[in-house]
Amino acid sequence: MDQTSLTDIKTVRDVDVSGKKVLVRVDFNIPLDKSGHITDDTRIRAALPTIRYLIDHNARVILVSHLGRPDGKVVESQRLTPVADRLTQLLGKPVVKAPDCMGPEVEAMVSGMQAGDVILLENVRFYPEEEANVREFARKLASLADIYVNDAFGTAHRAHASTVGVAEFLPAVAGFLMEKEVVTIGRALEAPARPFVAIIGGAKISSKIGVITNLLEKVDYLLIGGGMANTFLKAEGYAIGKSLVEDQQIDLAKDLILRGDEKLVLPVDVVVADRLDATANFKAVDVEAVPPDWIIVDIGPRTVQKFKDIVDKAKTVVWNGPMGVFEIPPFAQGTRAIAEALAESNTISIIGGGESVAAVEQMGLADKITHVSTGGGATLELLEGRVLPGVAVLVRK
């Protein structure tokens, strides 16, 4: 499956689910506190449209997910019981938590299901065969159902038994969350409304080489912030004090600057601090005036304005990664300003990547963004132009 068919996958709407047993891969890998209480149920809520659709269309719904990294062993604190309880509340109907994800007891529970019933299988990563995508394990999982629905965009870049393997044995279609993610990001990459702008931040170029290289060919402007901008600034010949830098990526940065030409936009001023601490002394300086013992911690006010002016004219904006050391409040201004600019603009805005998503959610701006992605690694791989294994196995229209 190539990238051009990203927007062409069959969804749960395209198959008859009435009376059928439907195995739904969801991403319920949610944060729990020490006492096992859910601290953020965003991923559970994201799966509700698909689950409700299946219930309303008389399917028998069998949910499968992982939680944490149990490394193929049963870990009591990573059982999915709290998820089943929360799902019961959200759906207003009982969600039965199975004691396992396969085996005679689970088979008996599934065969006793009525139309509209929902079962949540136990953590599929309690078996090492899941991450190893063992064919026989996938076959046993698939044997529980008639149809497979993948609604777990967050794990679509993993070739596991429950994301890829089961599709060999069942007709495989996308759920509504998967469809929204893949079609929204796919459309932005394939046929964006222009000007098309990408804003890339975060600490390191090395983790985003593929993204920058792929986007540079597609966008009208590529704005660089965060720690990775330091490496570009050093490649341009600026002194960057004691700032984070990837010296081994300097040549790559030089090459990208040459290739990017007018498209690649770097900071013109930065915020510097005498140490990485909320009580540090900090000030804005031009990029040619970074003091030798200070650290670049954010983009400066002139850069913020420059980036805002470009965003204001844009028709599509993809943003991945913060503009500074976002977790320390005084150094979060650049990230905050970009989030506000996107929220106030009329552009199609797509945000992916943990920290940029966290920023808009903390600021209460997520509902003003066109699309806030639920996938970290999966979003990055799509932006790199890579084919996601969990999407490649889905039936095309």
Protein backbone atom coordinates (compact mmCIF):
# COMPACT_ATOMS: atom_id res chain seq x y z
CA MET A 1 0.00 0.00 0.00
CA ASP A 2 1.55 3.35 -1.01
CA GLN A 3 0.99 6.74 0.59
CA THR A 4 -1.25 7.93 -2.24
CA SER A 5 -3.99 5.55 -1.10
CA LEU A 6 -4.00 6.76 2.51
CA THR A 7 -7.38 8.38 1.98
CA ASP A 8 -8.80 5.29 0.27
CA ILE A 9 -9.15 2.74 3.10
CA LYS A 10 -12.41 0.94 3.81
CA THR A 11 -14.01 1.73 7.15
CA VAL A 12 -16.50 0.08 9.45
CA ARG A 13 -19.23 1.88 7.44
CA ASP A 14 -18.34 -0.20 4.38
CA VAL A 15 -19.07 -3.62 5.90
CA ASP A 16 -22.21 -5.22 7.31
CA VAL A 17 -21.59 -5.71 11.02
CA SER A 18 -25.11 -6.68 12.11
CA GLY A 19 -25.03 -9.87 14.18
CA LYS A 20 -21.30 -10.24 13.51
CA LYS A 21 -18.54 -10.71 16.06
CA VAL A 22 -16.21 -7.74 15.53
CA LEU A 23 -12.67 -7.70 16.91
CA VAL A 24 -11.69 -4.06 17.45
CA ARG A 25 -8.04 -3.11 18.10
CA VAL A 26 -8.21 -0.01 20.28
CA ASP A 27 -5.42 1.96 21.96
CA PHE A 28 -6.27 1.92 25.66
CA ASN A 29 -2.64 2.44 26.69
CA ILE A 30 -3.67 5.10 29.22
CA PRO A 31 -1.84 6.59 32.22
CA LEU A 32 -2.65 5.14 35.66
CA ASP A 33 -1.59 6.50 39.05
CA LYS A 34 0.05 4.33 41.75
CA SER A 35 -3.34 3.18 43.06
CA GLY A 36 -4.46 2.09 39.58
CA HIS A 37 -6.78 5.03 38.84
CA ILE A 38 -6.94 6.45 35.31
CA THR A 39 -5.41 9.95 35.18
CA ASP A 40 -6.33 10.72 31.55
CA ASP A 41 -9.10 8.93 29.61
CA THR A 42 -8.57 10.77 26.29
CA ARG A 43 -7.71 7.57 24.41
CA ILE A 44 -10.78 5.76 25.76
CA ARG A 45 -13.03 8.64 24.68
CA ALA A 46 -11.37 8.70 21.24
CA ALA A 47 -12.58 5.11 20.61
CA LEU A 48 -16.21 5.76 21.63
CA PRO A 49 -17.60 6.72 18.17
CA THR A 50 -16.51 3.38 16.67
CA ILE A 51 -17.70 1.34 19.67
CA ARG A 52 -21.08 3.13 19.76
CA TYR A 53 -21.54 2.65 16.01
CA LEU A 54 -20.95 -1.10 16.38
CA ILE A 55 -23.36 -1.35 19.34
CA ASP A 56 -26.03 0.63 17.43
CA HIS A 57 -25.58 -1.68 14.42
CA ASN A 58 -26.11 -4.86 16.48
CA ALA A 59 -22.53 -6.10 16.39
CA ARG A 60 -20.98 -8.16 19.16
CA VAL A 61 -17.99 -6.03 20.11
CA ILE A 62 -14.71 -7.65 21.22
CA LEU A 63 -12.14 -5.01 22.19
CA VAL A 64 -8.42 -5.79 22.24
CA SER A 65 -5.68 -3.49 23.55
CA HIS A 66 -2.32 -3.35 25.27
CA LEU A 67 -1.43 -1.36 28.37
CA GLY A 68 2.14 -0.44 29.28
CA ARG A 69 5.13 -2.65 28.55
CA PRO A 70 4.68 -5.93 30.42
CA ASP A 71 7.24 -7.60 28.11
CA GLY A 72 5.22 -10.76 27.49
CA LYS A 73 4.49 -11.48 31.17
CA VAL A 74 1.39 -11.03 33.32
CA VAL A 75 1.83 -7.82 35.33
CA GLU A 76 -1.05 -7.29 37.79
CA SER A 77 -0.79 -3.48 37.68
CA GLN A 78 -1.20 -3.56 33.88
CA ARG A 79 -4.51 -5.40 33.76
CA LEU A 80 -7.26 -3.62 31.85
CA THR A 81 -9.88 -3.77 34.65
CA PRO A 82 -9.87 0.04 35.30
CA VAL A 83 -10.41 0.58 31.57
CA ALA A 84 -13.45 -1.74 31.52
CA ASP A 85 -14.89 0.14 34.50
CA ARG A 86 -14.38 3.54 32.85
CA LEU A 87 -15.79 2.29 29.54
CA THR A 88 -18.87 0.98 31.38
CA GLN A 89 -19.43 4.50 32.75
CA LEU A 90 -18.89 6.23 29.40
CA LEU A 91 -21.08 3.84 27.38
CA GLY A 92 -23.77 3.57 30.07
CA LYS A 93 -23.80 -0.21 29.61
CA PRO A 94 -21.76 -3.07 31.09
CA VAL A 95 -18.40 -3.83 29.51
CA VAL A 96 -17.29 -7.30 30.56
CA LYS A 97 -13.54 -7.68 31.23
CA ALA A 98 -12.33 -11.09 30.04
CA PRO A 99 -9.71 -12.88 32.22
CA ASP A 100 -7.45 -13.42 29.19
CA CYS A 101 -7.28 -12.49 25.50
CA MET A 102 -7.79 -16.06 24.21
CA GLY A 103 -8.39 -19.62 25.38
CA PRO A 104 -11.46 -21.78 26.19
CA GLU A 105 -12.90 -19.44 28.84
CA VAL A 106 -12.74 -16.43 26.51
CA GLU A 107 -14.18 -18.48 23.63
CA ALA A 108 -17.13 -19.47 25.83
CA MET A 109 -17.73 -15.83 26.84
CA VAL A 110 -17.67 -14.71 23.19
CA SER A 111 -20.04 -17.45 22.03
CA GLY A 112 -22.53 -16.35 24.71
CA MET A 113 -22.59 -12.72 23.51
CA GLN A 114 -25.78 -11.06 22.30
CA ALA A 115 -26.05 -8.25 19.71
CA GLY A 116 -24.77 -4.99 21.25
CA ASP A 117 -22.69 -6.70 23.97
CA VAL A 118 -19.15 -5.47 24.63
CA ILE A 119 -16.22 -7.54 25.96
CA LEU A 120 -12.77 -6.17 26.68
CA LEU A 121 -10.02 -8.79 26.35
CA GLU A 122 -7.13 -8.77 28.82
CA ASN A 123 -3.86 -6.99 27.95
CA VAL A 124 -2.65 -8.60 24.72
CA ARG A 125 1.00 -7.83 25.58
CA PHE A 126 0.90 -10.34 28.44
CA TYR A 127 1.95 -12.71 25.62
CA PRO A 128 5.39 -12.29 23.96
CA GLU A 129 3.79 -13.56 20.72
CA GLU A 130 1.88 -10.26 20.38
CA GLU A 131 4.90 -8.01 19.76
CA ALA A 132 6.66 -10.79 17.81
CA ASN A 133 3.58 -11.02 15.53
CA VAL A 134 3.51 -14.84 15.75
CA ARG A 135 1.15 -16.13 13.06
CA GLU A 136 -0.47 -18.86 15.21
CA PHE A 137 -1.14 -16.34 18.00
CA ALA A 138 -2.76 -13.93 15.50
CA ARG A 139 -4.87 -16.81 14.13
CA LYS A 140 -6.18 -17.67 17.63
CA LEU A 141 -7.04 -14.03 18.26
CA ALA A 142 -8.77 -13.77 14.89
CA SER A 143 -10.74 -16.98 15.51
CA LEU A 144 -12.87 -15.10 18.06
CA ALA A 145 -14.43 -12.87 15.38
CA ASP A 146 -15.88 -12.46 11.87
CA ILE A 147 -14.51 -8.97 11.10
CA TYR A 148 -11.45 -7.00 12.23
CA VAL A 149 -11.53 -3.25 12.84
CA ASN A 150 -8.32 -1.33 13.56
CA ASP A 151 -9.04 1.87 15.49
CA ALA A 152 -5.65 2.08 17.22
CA PHE A 153 -3.80 4.75 15.25
CA GLY A 154 -1.31 5.14 18.12
CA THR A 155 0.02 1.62 17.45
CA ALA A 156 -0.44 1.56 13.66
CA HIS A 157 3.34 1.88 13.18
CA ARG A 158 3.86 -1.42 15.03
CA ALA A 159 3.67 -4.73 13.15
CA HIS A 160 2.17 -6.75 16.01
CA ALA A 161 -0.24 -9.70 16.00
CA SER A 162 -3.23 -7.56 17.00
CA THR A 163 -2.41 -4.70 14.58
CA VAL A 164 -1.23 -6.61 11.50
CA GLY A 165 -1.30 -10.39 12.02
CA VAL A 166 -5.07 -10.79 12.48
CA ALA A 167 -5.72 -9.09 9.12
CA GLU A 168 -4.44 -12.22 7.39
CA PHE A 169 -7.43 -14.16 8.77
CA LEU A 170 -10.26 -11.59 8.81
CA PRO A 171 -11.57 -8.80 6.54
CA ALA A 172 -9.81 -5.71 7.96
CA VAL A 173 -11.26 -2.18 7.97
CA ALA A 174 -10.57 1.09 9.78
CA GLY A 175 -12.51 2.48 12.72
CA PHE A 176 -13.52 6.15 12.78
CA LEU A 177 -10.50 7.35 14.78
CA MET A 178 -8.08 5.55 12.45
CA GLU A 179 -9.94 6.96 9.44
CA LYS A 180 -9.84 10.53 10.82
CA GLU A 181 -6.11 10.34 11.60
CA VAL A 182 -5.01 8.74 8.35
CA VAL A 183 -7.29 10.76 6.06
CA THR A 184 -6.58 14.13 7.74
CA ILE A 185 -2.80 13.70 7.76
CA GLY A 186 -2.85 11.92 4.38
CA ARG A 187 -4.80 14.75 2.76
CA ALA A 188 -2.40 17.36 4.18
CA LEU A 189 0.57 15.49 2.68
CA GLU A 190 -1.06 14.54 -0.63
CA ALA A 191 -3.11 17.60 -1.59
CA PRO A 192 -2.72 20.39 0.97
CA ALA A 193 -4.49 23.73 0.71
CA ARG A 194 -1.62 26.16 0.14
CA PRO A 195 0.43 27.89 1.45
CA PHE A 196 1.39 24.70 3.34
CA VAL A 197 3.57 25.33 6.41
CA ALA A 198 5.30 22.85 8.72
CA ILE A 199 6.55 23.86 12.18
CA ILE A 200 9.09 21.42 13.57
CA GLY A 201 10.55 21.64 17.07
CA GLY A 202 11.84 19.38 19.80
CA ALA A 203 15.33 18.68 21.02
CA LYS A 204 17.05 16.78 18.23
CA ILE A 205 17.34 16.81 14.45
CA SER A 206 18.41 13.14 14.56
CA SER A 207 14.94 11.98 15.66
CA LYS A 208 13.25 13.95 12.87
CA ILE A 209 15.60 13.73 9.88
CA GLY A 210 13.00 11.76 7.89
CA VAL A 211 10.21 14.21 8.74
CA ILE A 212 12.23 17.29 7.81
CA THR A 213 13.53 15.73 4.58
CA ASN A 214 10.06 14.56 3.46
CA LEU A 215 8.28 17.80 4.39
CA LEU A 216 10.91 20.01 2.78
CA GLU A 217 9.78 18.66 -0.61
CA LYS A 218 6.10 19.28 0.11
CA VAL A 219 5.79 22.52 2.07
CA ASP A 220 6.01 26.20 1.16
CA TYR A 221 7.68 27.02 4.49
CA LEU A 222 9.40 24.89 7.13
CA LEU A 223 9.83 26.71 10.46
CA ILE A 224 12.44 25.30 12.84
CA GLY A 225 12.36 25.85 16.63
CA GLY A 226 13.29 23.98 19.79
CA GLY A 227 16.68 22.52 20.63
CA MET A 228 17.16 21.32 17.05
CA ALA A 229 17.32 24.94 15.86
CA ASN A 230 20.64 25.28 17.76
CA THR A 231 22.28 22.76 15.44
CA PHE A 232 21.04 24.70 12.39
CA LEU A 233 22.24 27.99 13.92
CA LYS A 234 25.68 26.50 14.59
CA ALA A 235 25.73 25.21 10.99
CA GLU A 236 25.10 28.83 9.90
CA GLY A 237 28.19 29.91 11.88
CA TYR A 238 26.53 31.37 14.97
CA ALA A 239 27.99 30.85 18.46
CA ILE A 240 25.36 29.16 20.63
CA GLY A 241 27.00 29.27 24.08
CA LYS A 242 26.40 26.15 26.16
CA SER A 243 23.20 25.20 24.32
CA LEU A 244 22.21 21.65 23.40
CA VAL A 245 23.69 20.84 19.99
CA GLU A 246 24.20 17.73 17.84
CA ASP A 247 27.66 18.29 16.40
CA GLN A 248 27.45 15.08 14.36
CA GLN A 249 24.42 16.54 12.51
CA ILE A 250 26.05 19.86 11.51
CA ASP A 251 26.80 18.70 7.94
CA LEU A 252 23.24 17.42 7.56
CA ALA A 253 21.91 20.76 8.83
CA LYS A 254 24.08 22.61 6.28
CA ASP A 255 22.72 20.36 3.52
CA LEU A 256 19.11 20.94 4.62
CA ILE A 257 19.68 24.72 4.73
CA LEU A 258 21.02 24.59 1.16
CA ARG A 259 18.18 22.37 -0.03
CA GLY A 260 15.56 24.36 1.87
CA ASP A 261 16.77 27.68 0.48
CA GLU A 262 14.02 30.28 1.16
CA LYS A 263 11.64 27.63 2.52
CA LEU A 264 13.62 26.87 5.67
CA VAL A 265 13.02 29.53 8.32
CA LEU A 266 15.30 29.65 11.38
CA PRO A 267 15.05 31.79 14.52
CA VAL A 268 16.33 35.38 14.25
CA ASP A 269 16.37 35.84 18.02
CA VAL A 270 16.28 33.47 21.00
CA VAL A 271 15.63 33.43 24.72
CA VAL A 272 18.78 32.52 26.68
CA ALA A 273 19.16 31.56 30.35
CA ASP A 274 22.15 31.19 32.66
CA ARG A 275 20.89 27.77 33.72
CA LEU A 276 18.05 25.31 33.07
CA ASP A 277 15.85 26.24 35.98
CA ALA A 278 12.57 28.13 36.57
CA THR A 279 14.44 30.64 38.79
CA ALA A 280 17.21 31.27 36.21
CA ASN A 281 18.12 34.68 34.80
CA PHE A 282 16.89 34.87 31.21
CA LYS A 283 16.64 37.41 28.38
CA ALA A 284 15.95 37.66 24.65
CA VAL A 285 18.95 38.23 22.36
CA ASP A 286 19.61 38.20 18.61
CA VAL A 287 21.05 34.92 17.33
CA GLU A 288 24.46 36.56 16.83
CA ALA A 289 24.58 37.71 20.47
CA VAL A 290 24.27 34.50 22.56
CA PRO A 291 26.53 34.90 25.64
CA PRO A 292 29.26 32.20 25.84
CA ASP A 293 28.12 30.63 29.12
CA TRP A 294 24.33 30.85 28.53
CA ILE A 295 21.86 28.31 27.09
CA ILE A 296 19.25 28.85 24.36
CA VAL A 297 15.90 27.87 25.91
CA ASP A 298 13.21 29.24 23.55
CA ILE A 299 12.58 31.21 20.37
CA GLY A 300 12.62 34.98 20.87
CA PRO A 301 9.82 37.57 20.38
CA ARG A 302 10.93 38.63 16.87
CA THR A 303 11.01 34.97 15.79
CA VAL A 304 7.55 34.44 17.30
CA GLN A 305 6.25 37.38 15.23
CA LYS A 306 7.98 36.10 12.08
CA PHE A 307 6.49 32.61 12.57
CA LYS A 308 3.04 34.11 13.33
CA ASP A 309 3.10 36.17 10.11
CA ILE A 310 3.79 33.00 8.09
CA VAL A 311 1.07 31.03 9.96
CA ASP A 312 -1.45 33.85 9.36
CA LYS A 313 -1.06 33.48 5.59
CA ALA A 314 -1.06 29.65 5.64
CA LYS A 315 -3.98 27.47 4.57
CA THR A 316 -2.52 24.22 6.07
CA VAL A 317 -0.17 23.96 9.05
CA VAL A 318 1.39 20.79 10.48
CA TRP A 319 3.11 21.26 13.86
CA ASN A 320 5.30 18.73 15.65
CA GLY A 321 7.49 19.51 18.66
CA PRO A 322 7.80 22.43 21.11
CA MET A 323 9.67 25.67 20.41
CA GLY A 324 11.68 25.65 23.65
CA VAL A 325 12.20 23.95 27.00
CA PHE A 326 8.43 23.88 27.34
CA GLU A 327 8.29 22.01 30.66
CA ILE A 328 9.92 25.00 32.48
CA PRO A 329 7.19 27.71 32.53
CA PRO A 330 9.35 30.82 31.78
CA PHE A 331 10.69 29.04 28.66
CA ALA A 332 7.27 28.02 27.31
CA GLN A 333 6.36 31.38 25.76
CA GLY A 334 7.36 30.48 22.18
CA THR A 335 5.40 27.21 22.24
CA ARG A 336 2.43 29.03 23.80
CA ALA A 337 2.53 31.76 21.15
CA ILE A 338 2.54 29.24 18.28
CA ALA A 339 -0.38 27.34 19.86
CA GLU A 340 -2.35 30.60 20.21
CA ALA A 341 -1.55 31.64 16.63
CA LEU A 342 -2.87 28.33 15.30
CA ALA A 343 -5.98 28.50 17.52
CA GLU A 344 -6.78 32.02 16.30
CA SER A 345 -6.12 31.35 12.60
CA ASN A 346 -8.53 30.02 9.99
CA THR A 347 -5.95 27.55 8.71
CA ILE A 348 -6.32 23.76 8.66
CA SER A 349 -4.13 22.95 11.67
CA ILE A 350 -2.77 19.50 12.47
CA ILE A 351 -0.81 18.90 15.67
CA GLY A 352 1.04 15.66 16.35
CA GLY A 353 3.68 14.65 18.86
CA GLY A 354 3.36 14.40 22.62
CA GLU A 355 4.70 17.78 23.76
CA SER A 356 2.94 19.96 21.18
CA VAL A 357 -0.31 18.08 21.90
CA ALA A 358 0.27 18.55 25.66
CA ALA A 359 0.81 22.28 25.09
CA VAL A 360 -2.50 22.90 23.33
CA GLU A 361 -4.37 20.70 25.81
CA GLN A 362 -2.85 22.46 28.84
CA MET A 363 -3.79 25.81 27.33
CA GLY A 364 -7.36 24.67 26.65
CA LEU A 365 -6.93 25.31 22.90
CA ALA A 366 -7.31 21.75 21.57
CA ASP A 367 -10.91 22.34 20.44
CA LYS A 368 -9.73 25.28 18.28
CA ILE A 369 -7.25 23.08 16.38
CA THR A 370 -8.54 21.22 13.30
CA HIS A 371 -6.92 17.93 14.27
CA VAL A 372 -4.95 16.92 17.37
CA SER A 373 -3.37 13.55 16.64
CA THR A 374 -3.54 10.68 19.15
CA GLY A 375 -0.40 9.05 17.76
CA GLY A 376 3.17 10.08 18.57
CA GLY A 377 5.37 7.65 16.67
CA ALA A 378 2.64 6.85 14.14
CA THR A 379 2.16 10.53 13.28
CA LEU A 380 5.91 11.05 12.84
CA GLU A 381 6.17 8.03 10.53
CA LEU A 382 3.26 9.28 8.39
CA LEU A 383 4.91 12.71 8.15
CA GLU A 384 8.12 10.95 7.09
CA GLY A 385 6.17 9.44 4.20
CA ARG A 386 6.45 5.92 5.57
CA VAL A 387 3.75 3.28 5.19
CA LEU A 388 2.30 2.24 8.56
CA PRO A 389 1.99 -1.56 8.89
CA GLY A 390 -1.38 -1.28 10.66
CA VAL A 391 -2.76 0.81 7.78
CA ALA A 392 -1.18 -1.20 4.96
CA VAL A 393 -3.22 -4.32 5.88
CA LEU A 394 -6.59 -2.56 5.71
CA VAL A 395 -8.86 -3.24 2.74
CA ARG A 396 -8.99 -0.46 0.19
CA LYS A 397 -12.18 0.82 -1.42
